[in-house]
Amino acid sequence: MNYSYIIYEKRQNIALITLNQPEKQNILSFDLIQELSGCLRQVAQERRATVIIVKGAGDNFCAGHDLNEILHQDINNIRHLFQACLDLMMLIHTVPQPVIAQVHGIATAAGCQLAAACDLVVAEEGAQFATPGVQIGLFCTTPMVPLSRAVGRKKSLEMLLTGKFISAQEAKEYGLVNRVVPKKKLEKETWALAKDIDQYSLAIVSLGKQTFYQQIEMAEKQAYQYTKEVISANALMDDALEGMSAFLEKRSPVWKEK
C-alpha cells in the first residue's frame, strides 16, 4: 500500500495507520480522508490484521478539517467533503477489526470526532480534546454525533458550546478515553491493549463489535431479542465450538480465524 497522506504498517497481527501531515497538524483534508478510508477498507477485506491502531505523526493527533476546503466553496463541494468524512466515521464502526485511537497532543473538531468514532482510545497525559467550531462560526455539528454518544449530553454540550479544551484525564472521566498514560508509555500501552484483543478469534471479535453498535441504539427489549438471535447463531460458529471445547478440556483454543 503506497500513500501520500498516511503511513500504513503491519506488525505481527496489528495494523498501524499514521496520519502523516505533521506540518498541518494532520488535518482531515479530503485526500487524507480518502486514503484513510481506502486503507481501512483494504485491511477489512484482507482480514490479516486483528486490530487497527490510528495515530498521528508529529506533535499532534489531528486538528480537524482543512478550512481552505470549506471557506468560499460551493455547497455541493462542502457537502461532498462532509459526506466523505461521515462515511469514514461509519466505516470505522463497520470494519471487522476494533480500531484504537492513539492520541497525543491535540484532537480538535473533526480530530476529536475521529477519536470519538474509534472503538477505543488511549491518550497520553498531555493530550487535549476540543470541539472549537463555535469560536470560528462553524459549529461542530458532525463531531457532536460520536462525541455525544461517548460523553453524554451535558459534557458534550459544554464542549460544543464553549469550544474549550478538556484534558485527557477529564476525557477519561467522561467516557471519551479508555486509558490515560504517560507520554513515553503511549505507544507501549496502546500496543498492549491491541495485543489483549489480538489473542482472540477475529470472527468472534468482529461479531461482538458489530452487535454492540447495532444494539446500543435499540430499546432494551428489542436489544435483548436481537442479541438472543446473535448469540444463538454465534454458538454454532467454528471458533465458538473450538473455544468452548478448549475451555472444557482445559487447553488453549486454536482459532480458525486468527
Protein backbone atom coordinates (compact mmCIF):
# COMPACT_ATOMS: atom_id res chain seq x y z
CA MET A 1 0.00 0.00 0.00
CA ASN A 2 1.51 3.32 -1.11
CA TYR A 3 0.07 6.53 0.29
CA SER A 4 0.86 10.26 0.31
CA TYR A 5 -1.07 11.38 3.38
CA ILE A 6 -0.91 8.36 5.68
CA ILE A 7 1.60 5.65 6.55
CA TYR A 8 0.48 2.02 6.74
CA GLU A 9 2.40 -0.68 8.59
CA LYS A 10 1.56 -4.16 9.81
CA ARG A 11 3.40 -5.56 12.79
CA GLN A 12 2.51 -9.10 13.74
CA ASN A 13 -1.29 -9.02 13.61
CA ILE A 14 -1.67 -5.28 14.30
CA ALA A 15 -2.34 -2.71 11.57
CA LEU A 16 -0.81 0.72 12.27
CA ILE A 17 -2.15 3.71 10.35
CA THR A 18 -0.38 7.04 10.89
CA LEU A 19 -1.91 10.34 9.76
CA ASN A 20 1.14 11.81 8.06
CA GLN A 21 0.66 15.56 7.59
CA PRO A 22 2.54 16.76 10.70
CA GLU A 23 3.27 20.20 9.21
CA LYS A 24 -0.52 20.73 9.04
CA GLN A 25 -1.29 19.01 12.35
CA ASN A 26 -2.67 16.03 10.42
CA ILE A 27 -5.80 17.88 9.30
CA LEU A 28 -8.50 15.76 7.73
CA SER A 29 -8.22 17.01 4.19
CA PHE A 30 -10.39 15.34 1.58
CA ASP A 31 -7.35 13.49 0.22
CA LEU A 32 -6.32 12.21 3.65
CA ILE A 33 -9.90 11.09 4.35
CA GLN A 34 -9.93 9.19 1.06
CA GLU A 35 -6.63 7.48 1.76
CA LEU A 36 -7.58 6.56 5.32
CA SER A 37 -10.93 5.19 4.16
CA GLY A 38 -9.30 3.17 1.39
CA CYS A 39 -6.72 1.75 3.78
CA LEU A 40 -9.38 0.73 6.31
CA ARG A 41 -11.40 -0.97 3.59
CA GLN A 42 -8.39 -2.93 2.40
CA VAL A 43 -7.41 -4.02 5.92
CA ALA A 44 -11.01 -5.07 6.50
CA GLN A 45 -11.15 -7.01 3.25
CA GLU A 46 -7.83 -8.81 3.73
CA ARG A 47 -8.57 -9.73 7.37
CA ARG A 48 -4.87 -10.33 8.02
CA ALA A 49 -4.85 -7.87 10.94
CA THR A 50 -6.92 -8.38 14.07
CA VAL A 51 -6.71 -4.83 15.45
CA ILE A 52 -6.15 -1.39 13.89
CA ILE A 53 -4.34 1.49 15.60
CA VAL A 54 -4.76 5.03 14.25
CA LYS A 55 -2.25 7.65 15.36
CA GLY A 56 -0.77 10.95 14.21
CA ALA A 57 2.74 11.96 13.14
CA GLY A 58 4.47 14.96 14.68
CA ASP A 59 3.25 16.90 17.70
CA ASN A 60 -0.50 16.30 17.45
CA PHE A 61 -3.07 13.64 16.70
CA CYS A 62 -5.40 15.64 14.43
CA ALA A 63 -6.58 19.25 14.22
CA GLY A 64 -9.80 18.74 12.28
CA HIS A 65 -10.74 19.73 8.74
CA ASP A 66 -8.80 21.87 6.28
CA LEU A 67 -10.74 25.15 6.35
CA ASN A 68 -9.39 26.01 2.91
CA GLU A 69 -11.59 23.21 1.58
CA ILE A 70 -14.67 24.80 3.18
CA LEU A 71 -14.27 28.59 3.01
CA HIS A 72 -15.96 30.13 -0.07
CA GLN A 73 -16.67 26.72 -1.57
CA ASP A 74 -19.85 25.71 -3.38
CA ILE A 75 -22.33 23.97 -1.07
CA ASN A 76 -22.14 20.79 -3.15
CA ASN A 77 -18.36 20.67 -2.68
CA ILE A 78 -18.76 21.27 1.06
CA ARG A 79 -21.42 18.59 1.28
CA HIS A 80 -19.15 16.19 -0.63
CA LEU A 81 -16.35 16.76 1.89
CA PHE A 82 -18.56 16.15 4.90
CA GLN A 83 -20.12 13.09 3.26
CA ALA A 84 -16.64 11.61 2.79
CA CYS A 85 -15.90 12.34 6.44
CA LEU A 86 -19.08 10.78 7.78
CA ASP A 87 -18.51 7.75 5.54
CA LEU A 88 -15.10 7.40 7.19
CA MET A 89 -16.58 7.61 10.69
CA MET A 90 -19.22 4.99 9.88
CA LEU A 91 -16.58 2.81 8.23
CA ILE A 92 -14.64 2.72 11.50
CA HIS A 93 -17.67 1.10 13.12
CA THR A 94 -18.26 -1.39 10.31
CA VAL A 95 -14.75 -2.76 9.71
CA PRO A 96 -14.39 -6.13 11.47
CA GLN A 97 -11.31 -5.12 13.46
CA PRO A 98 -11.53 -2.99 16.61
CA VAL A 99 -10.00 0.44 15.91
CA ILE A 100 -7.92 2.11 18.64
CA ALA A 101 -7.06 5.81 18.53
CA GLN A 102 -3.60 6.55 19.96
CA VAL A 103 -3.91 10.24 20.88
CA HIS A 104 -1.17 12.70 21.71
CA GLY A 105 -1.14 16.49 21.57
CA ILE A 106 -4.45 17.90 20.41
CA ALA A 107 -7.54 16.27 18.94
CA THR A 108 -9.81 19.10 17.85
CA ALA A 109 -13.05 19.42 15.84
CA ALA A 110 -13.06 16.56 13.29
CA GLY A 111 -9.92 15.26 15.02
CA CYS A 112 -11.92 14.91 18.22
CA GLN A 113 -14.66 13.35 16.09
CA LEU A 114 -12.17 10.81 14.74
CA ALA A 115 -11.03 9.85 18.23
CA ALA A 116 -14.61 9.59 19.48
CA ALA A 117 -15.60 7.45 16.49
CA CYS A 118 -12.84 4.92 17.17
CA ASP A 119 -13.86 1.91 19.22
CA LEU A 120 -11.24 2.57 21.91
CA VAL A 121 -8.96 5.50 22.80
CA VAL A 122 -5.61 5.57 24.59
CA ALA A 123 -4.30 9.07 25.31
CA GLU A 124 -1.12 10.47 26.77
CA GLU A 125 -1.40 12.62 29.87
CA GLY A 126 -0.84 15.87 27.98
CA ALA A 127 -3.43 15.20 25.28
CA GLN A 128 -6.30 17.67 24.92
CA PHE A 129 -9.68 17.39 23.24
CA ALA A 130 -11.94 20.16 21.94
CA THR A 131 -14.77 20.96 19.53
CA PRO A 132 -13.99 24.66 18.96
CA GLY A 133 -16.09 25.26 15.85
CA VAL A 134 -18.33 27.73 17.68
CA GLN A 135 -15.33 30.02 18.05
CA ILE A 136 -14.99 30.46 14.28
CA GLY A 137 -18.68 30.40 13.37
CA LEU A 138 -18.73 26.80 12.11
CA PHE A 139 -20.46 24.78 14.82
CA CYS A 140 -19.10 21.25 15.26
CA THR A 141 -22.37 19.56 14.36
CA THR A 142 -20.85 16.46 12.76
CA PRO A 143 -18.27 15.94 15.55
CA MET A 144 -21.18 16.17 18.02
CA VAL A 145 -22.54 12.83 16.76
CA PRO A 146 -19.86 10.47 18.15
CA LEU A 147 -18.94 12.90 20.92
CA SER A 148 -22.45 12.99 22.39
CA ARG A 149 -22.69 9.22 22.20
CA ALA A 150 -19.38 8.75 24.02
CA VAL A 151 -19.60 11.55 26.57
CA GLY A 152 -23.29 12.20 27.16
CA ARG A 153 -25.44 15.30 26.84
CA LYS A 154 -24.23 17.73 29.46
CA LYS A 155 -20.48 17.50 28.96
CA SER A 156 -20.66 17.21 25.18
CA LEU A 157 -22.88 20.30 25.02
CA GLU A 158 -20.46 22.17 27.25
CA MET A 159 -17.58 21.24 24.93
CA LEU A 160 -19.60 22.19 21.85
CA LEU A 161 -20.94 25.48 23.23
CA THR A 162 -17.68 26.76 24.74
CA GLY A 163 -15.12 25.25 22.40
CA LYS A 164 -12.76 24.86 25.35
CA PHE A 165 -10.21 22.08 25.69
CA ILE A 166 -10.61 19.28 28.18
CA SER A 167 -7.65 17.29 29.47
CA ALA A 168 -7.03 13.63 28.81
CA GLN A 169 -7.96 12.84 32.39
CA GLU A 170 -11.26 14.72 32.06
CA ALA A 171 -11.89 12.91 28.78
CA LYS A 172 -11.39 9.61 30.59
CA GLU A 173 -13.72 10.60 33.41
CA TYR A 174 -16.45 11.49 30.91
CA GLY A 175 -16.06 8.34 28.82
CA LEU A 176 -14.28 9.68 25.73
CA VAL A 177 -10.98 7.94 26.58
CA ASN A 178 -10.31 4.43 27.89
CA ARG A 179 -6.78 4.87 29.25
CA VAL A 180 -4.52 7.82 30.10
CA VAL A 181 -0.80 7.06 30.27
CA PRO A 182 2.50 8.95 30.44
CA LYS A 183 3.61 10.20 27.02
CA LYS A 184 6.67 7.96 26.95
CA LYS A 185 4.45 4.92 27.50
CA LEU A 186 1.72 5.84 25.00
CA GLU A 187 2.80 3.52 22.21
CA LYS A 188 3.59 0.66 24.59
CA GLU A 189 0.22 0.88 26.35
CA THR A 190 -1.73 1.19 23.10
CA TRP A 191 0.09 -1.84 21.76
CA ALA A 192 -0.65 -3.76 24.98
CA LEU A 193 -4.36 -3.04 24.61
CA ALA A 194 -4.25 -4.15 20.97
CA LYS A 195 -2.48 -7.39 21.93
CA ASP A 196 -5.08 -8.07 24.64
CA ILE A 197 -7.65 -8.21 21.83
CA ASP A 198 -5.37 -9.92 19.31
CA GLN A 199 -5.32 -13.16 21.31
CA TYR A 200 -8.95 -13.87 20.40
CA SER A 201 -10.73 -15.01 17.24
CA LEU A 202 -11.24 -12.19 14.72
CA ALA A 203 -14.54 -13.78 13.68
CA ILE A 204 -15.85 -13.59 17.24
CA VAL A 205 -14.43 -10.14 17.99
CA SER A 206 -15.92 -8.80 14.76
CA LEU A 207 -19.31 -10.31 15.58
CA GLY A 208 -19.21 -8.72 19.02
CA LYS A 209 -18.22 -5.31 17.67
CA GLN A 210 -20.96 -5.23 15.04
CA THR A 211 -23.56 -6.43 17.54
CA PHE A 212 -22.55 -3.75 20.03
CA TYR A 213 -23.20 -0.93 17.56
CA GLN A 214 -26.48 -2.47 16.41
CA GLN A 215 -27.95 -2.94 19.88
CA ILE A 216 -26.70 0.26 21.51
CA GLU A 217 -29.39 2.40 19.83
CA MET A 218 -32.22 -0.10 20.48
CA ALA A 219 -34.73 -0.15 23.30
CA GLU A 220 -33.80 -2.72 25.94
CA LYS A 221 -36.44 -5.30 24.97
CA GLN A 222 -35.56 -5.06 21.27
CA ALA A 223 -31.84 -5.27 22.09
CA TYR A 224 -32.37 -8.48 24.07
CA GLN A 225 -34.36 -10.06 21.24
CA TYR A 226 -31.70 -9.10 18.72
CA THR A 227 -28.73 -10.26 20.81
CA LYS A 228 -30.53 -13.53 21.63
CA GLU A 229 -30.56 -14.36 17.93
CA VAL A 230 -26.93 -13.32 17.52
CA ILE A 231 -25.62 -15.37 20.43
CA SER A 232 -27.64 -18.40 19.32
CA ALA A 233 -26.04 -18.28 15.86
CA ASN A 234 -22.67 -17.50 17.46
CA ALA A 235 -22.84 -20.75 19.44
CA LEU A 236 -22.71 -22.73 16.18
CA MET A 237 -19.68 -20.95 14.72
CA ASP A 238 -16.44 -22.91 14.31
CA ASP A 239 -14.46 -20.73 16.71
CA ALA A 240 -17.23 -20.87 19.30
CA LEU A 241 -17.21 -24.66 19.16
CA GLU A 242 -13.42 -24.63 19.46
CA GLY A 243 -13.37 -22.09 22.28
CA MET A 244 -15.98 -23.86 24.42
CA SER A 245 -14.38 -27.26 23.81
CA ALA A 246 -10.96 -25.90 24.74
CA PHE A 247 -12.35 -24.41 27.96
CA LEU A 248 -13.99 -27.68 28.99
CA GLU A 249 -10.85 -29.64 28.05
CA LYS A 250 -8.64 -27.16 29.94
CA ARG A 251 -6.44 -26.33 26.96
CA SER A 252 -5.70 -23.24 24.87
CA PRO A 253 -8.02 -22.76 21.88
CA VAL A 254 -6.72 -22.88 18.34
CA TRP A 255 -8.78 -20.30 16.48
CA LYS A 256 -9.75 -20.92 12.87
CA GLU A 257 -9.66 -17.19 12.12
CA LYS A 258 -6.73 -15.59 13.91
